Amino acid sequence: MVAEFSGTIGVATNNVAEYSGLLAALRYAIDHGYADLTVRSDSLLLVCQMRGEYRVKNPGLQPLHAEARRLAGRLGRVRFEHVRREANSEADRLANEAMDGKKKSEARRAF
């Protein structure tokens, strides 16, 4: 792992969240001059779509997939590996922190 970051994206599906994380990682890699990247995700759908093994049928995911392909094309080599959720605890922790942070800020605004 080179870096970690998290953020909120509002109300979205888990697949949109997975693609949002991928886009952030790809942009980070481009901005920091990386040419060789391995993306490990517990989202089998995302991994298989990015490998070209699954079609992207969902109209909401199509522009995200297209942008991810475009960004990945700017890097030298990008590999996509599927990992079990248990082996992806860092990503799960960041996602939970982002969700908890959003809940806390919403609670502050509500009072």
C-alpha atoms as a PDB file:
ATOM      1  CA  MET A   1       0.000   0.000   0.000  1.00  0.00           C
ATOM      2  CA  VAL A   2       1.296   3.425  -0.944  1.00  0.00           C
ATOM      3  CA  ALA A   3      -1.362   5.735   0.508  1.00  0.00           C
ATOM      4  CA  GLU A   4      -4.803   5.665   2.038  1.00  0.00           C
ATOM      5  CA  PHE A   5      -7.607   8.173   1.919  1.00  0.00           C
ATOM      6  CA  SER A   6     -11.353   8.196   2.289  1.00  0.00           C
ATOM      7  CA  GLY A   7     -14.271  10.482   1.668  1.00  0.00           C
ATOM      8  CA  THR A   8     -18.009  10.571   1.343  1.00  0.00           C
ATOM      9  CA  ILE A   9     -20.006  10.414  -1.874  1.00  0.00           C
ATOM     10  CA  GLY A  10     -23.508  10.898  -0.531  1.00  0.00           C
ATOM     11  CA  VAL A  11     -26.267   8.374  -1.054  1.00  0.00           C
ATOM     12  CA  ALA A  12     -25.125   5.793  -3.593  1.00  0.00           C
ATOM     13  CA  THR A  13     -25.065   2.081  -4.251  1.00  0.00           C
ATOM     14  CA  ASN A  14     -22.155  -0.063  -3.138  1.00  0.00           C
ATOM     15  CA  ASN A  15     -21.122  -0.458  -6.791  1.00  0.00           C
ATOM     16  CA  VAL A  16     -21.013   3.310  -7.315  1.00  0.00           C
ATOM     17  CA  ALA A  17     -18.951   3.575  -4.108  1.00  0.00           C
ATOM     18  CA  GLU A  18     -16.520   0.917  -5.394  1.00  0.00           C
ATOM     19  CA  TYR A  19     -16.065   2.765  -8.686  1.00  0.00           C
ATOM     20  CA  SER A  20     -15.673   6.094  -6.857  1.00  0.00           C
ATOM     21  CA  GLY A  21     -12.850   4.578  -4.814  1.00  0.00           C
ATOM     22  CA  LEU A  22     -11.245   3.166  -7.943  1.00  0.00           C
ATOM     23  CA  LEU A  23     -11.419   6.542  -9.697  1.00  0.00           C
ATOM     24  CA  ALA A  24      -9.815   8.247  -6.697  1.00  0.00           C
ATOM     25  CA  ALA A  25      -7.012   5.659  -6.640  1.00  0.00           C
ATOM     26  CA  LEU A  26      -6.381   5.967 -10.374  1.00  0.00           C
ATOM     27  CA  ARG A  27      -6.272   9.768 -10.171  1.00  0.00           C
ATOM     28  CA  TYR A  28      -3.871   9.552  -7.239  1.00  0.00           C
ATOM     29  CA  ALA A  29      -1.596   7.175  -9.163  1.00  0.00           C
ATOM     30  CA  ILE A  30      -1.582   9.472 -12.201  1.00  0.00           C
ATOM     31  CA  ASP A  31      -0.990  12.620 -10.124  1.00  0.00           C
ATOM     32  CA  HIS A  32       1.939  10.980  -8.306  1.00  0.00           C
ATOM     33  CA  GLY A  33       3.631   9.508 -11.370  1.00  0.00           C
ATOM     34  CA  TYR A  34       2.941   5.823 -10.835  1.00  0.00           C
ATOM     35  CA  ALA A  35       3.124   3.698 -13.986  1.00  0.00           C
ATOM     36  CA  ASP A  36       2.500   0.256 -12.485  1.00  0.00           C
ATOM     37  CA  LEU A  37      -0.538  -0.312 -10.291  1.00  0.00           C
ATOM     38  CA  THR A  38      -2.249  -3.314  -8.742  1.00  0.00           C
ATOM     39  CA  VAL A  39      -5.830  -2.694  -7.677  1.00  0.00           C
ATOM     40  CA  ARG A  40      -7.090  -5.156  -5.107  1.00  0.00           C
ATOM     41  CA  SER A  41     -10.820  -5.064  -4.496  1.00  0.00           C
ATOM     42  CA  ASP A  42     -13.374  -7.218  -2.747  1.00  0.00           C
ATOM     43  CA  SER A  43     -15.871  -6.202  -5.443  1.00  0.00           C
ATOM     44  CA  LEU A  44     -15.922  -9.081  -7.891  1.00  0.00           C
ATOM     45  CA  LEU A  45     -18.203  -7.059 -10.173  1.00  0.00           C
ATOM     46  CA  LEU A  46     -15.739  -4.163 -10.398  1.00  0.00           C
ATOM     47  CA  VAL A  47     -12.731  -6.442 -10.940  1.00  0.00           C
ATOM     48  CA  CYS A  48     -14.425  -8.502 -13.650  1.00  0.00           C
ATOM     49  CA  GLN A  49     -15.808  -5.424 -15.397  1.00  0.00           C
ATOM     50  CA  MET A  50     -12.410  -3.732 -15.403  1.00  0.00           C
ATOM     51  CA  ARG A  51     -10.771  -6.910 -16.721  1.00  0.00           C
ATOM     52  CA  GLY A  52     -13.375  -7.025 -19.501  1.00  0.00           C
ATOM     53  CA  GLU A  53     -14.821 -10.313 -18.259  1.00  0.00           C
ATOM     54  CA  TYR A  54     -18.279  -8.852 -17.458  1.00  0.00           C
ATOM     55  CA  ARG A  55     -20.281  -6.360 -19.478  1.00  0.00           C
ATOM     56  CA  VAL A  56     -21.321  -3.132 -17.764  1.00  0.00           C
ATOM     57  CA  LYS A  57     -25.094  -3.351 -18.072  1.00  0.00           C
ATOM     58  CA  ASN A  58     -26.085  -0.802 -15.419  1.00  0.00           C
ATOM     59  CA  PRO A  59     -26.504   2.631 -17.046  1.00  0.00           C
ATOM     60  CA  GLY A  60     -25.395   4.310 -13.804  1.00  0.00           C
ATOM     61  CA  LEU A  61     -22.085   2.441 -13.828  1.00  0.00           C
ATOM     62  CA  GLN A  62     -21.308   2.875 -17.527  1.00  0.00           C
ATOM     63  CA  PRO A  63     -19.864   6.418 -17.283  1.00  0.00           C
ATOM     64  CA  LEU A  64     -17.871   5.473 -14.168  1.00  0.00           C
ATOM     65  CA  HIS A  65     -16.468   2.411 -15.917  1.00  0.00           C
ATOM     66  CA  ALA A  66     -15.615   4.452 -19.016  1.00  0.00           C
ATOM     67  CA  GLU A  67     -13.775   7.028 -16.900  1.00  0.00           C
ATOM     68  CA  ALA A  68     -11.917   4.287 -15.017  1.00  0.00           C
ATOM     69  CA  ARG A  69     -10.844   2.695 -18.313  1.00  0.00           C
ATOM     70  CA  ARG A  70      -9.695   6.084 -19.610  1.00  0.00           C
ATOM     71  CA  LEU A  71      -7.663   6.792 -16.476  1.00  0.00           C
ATOM     72  CA  ALA A  72      -6.212   3.268 -16.370  1.00  0.00           C
ATOM     73  CA  GLY A  73      -5.118   3.772 -19.971  1.00  0.00           C
ATOM     74  CA  ARG A  74      -2.988   6.720 -18.856  1.00  0.00           C
ATOM     75  CA  LEU A  75      -0.944   4.440 -16.598  1.00  0.00           C
ATOM     76  CA  GLY A  76       1.640   1.995 -17.866  1.00  0.00           C
ATOM     77  CA  ARG A  77       0.160  -1.170 -16.401  1.00  0.00           C
ATOM     78  CA  VAL A  78      -2.874  -1.725 -14.194  1.00  0.00           C
ATOM     79  CA  ARG A  79      -3.774  -5.128 -12.808  1.00  0.00           C
ATOM     80  CA  PHE A  80      -7.045  -5.927 -11.075  1.00  0.00           C
ATOM     81  CA  GLU A  81      -7.159  -8.614  -8.403  1.00  0.00           C
ATOM     82  CA  HIS A  82     -10.168  -9.848  -6.507  1.00  0.00           C
ATOM     83  CA  VAL A  83      -9.596 -10.404  -2.789  1.00  0.00           C
ATOM     84  CA  ARG A  84     -11.950 -11.729  -0.169  1.00  0.00           C
ATOM     85  CA  ARG A  85     -13.457  -9.111   2.084  1.00  0.00           C
ATOM     86  CA  GLU A  86     -11.537 -10.504   5.060  1.00  0.00           C
ATOM     87  CA  ALA A  87      -8.284  -9.777   3.194  1.00  0.00           C
ATOM     88  CA  ASN A  88      -9.348  -6.199   2.461  1.00  0.00           C
ATOM     89  CA  SER A  89      -9.752  -4.934   6.014  1.00  0.00           C
ATOM     90  CA  GLU A  90      -7.915  -1.625   5.389  1.00  0.00           C
ATOM     91  CA  ALA A  91     -10.402  -0.615   2.694  1.00  0.00           C
ATOM     92  CA  ASP A  92     -13.311  -1.696   4.888  1.00  0.00           C
ATOM     93  CA  ARG A  93     -11.942   0.392   7.773  1.00  0.00           C
ATOM     94  CA  LEU A  94     -11.629   3.497   5.561  1.00  0.00           C
ATOM     95  CA  ALA A  95     -15.155   3.041   4.229  1.00  0.00           C
ATOM     96  CA  ASN A  96     -16.517   2.755   7.757  1.00  0.00           C
ATOM     97  CA  GLU A  97     -14.577   5.836   8.881  1.00  0.00           C
ATOM     98  CA  ALA A  98     -15.996   7.832   5.982  1.00  0.00           C
ATOM     99  CA  MET A  99     -19.540   6.685   6.761  1.00  0.00           C
ATOM    100  CA  ASP A 100     -19.105   7.379  10.490  1.00  0.00           C
ATOM    101  CA  GLY A 101     -17.695  10.837   9.767  1.00  0.00           C
ATOM    102  CA  LYS A 102     -20.675  11.685   7.577  1.00  0.00           C
ATOM    103  CA  LYS A 103     -23.092  10.502  10.256  1.00  0.00           C
ATOM    104  CA  LYS A 104     -21.333  12.658  12.872  1.00  0.00           C
ATOM    105  CA  SER A 105     -21.421  15.784  10.676  1.00  0.00           C
ATOM    106  CA  GLU A 106     -25.094  15.176   9.840  1.00  0.00           C
ATOM    107  CA  ALA A 107     -25.855  14.816  13.560  1.00  0.00           C
ATOM    108  CA  ARG A 108     -24.146  18.132  14.300  1.00  0.00           C
ATOM    109  CA  ARG A 109     -26.179  19.896  11.624  1.00  0.00           C
ATOM    110  CA  ALA A 110     -29.396  18.385  12.897  1.00  0.00           C
ATOM    111  CA  PHE A 111     -29.116  19.992  16.351  1.00  0.00           C
END
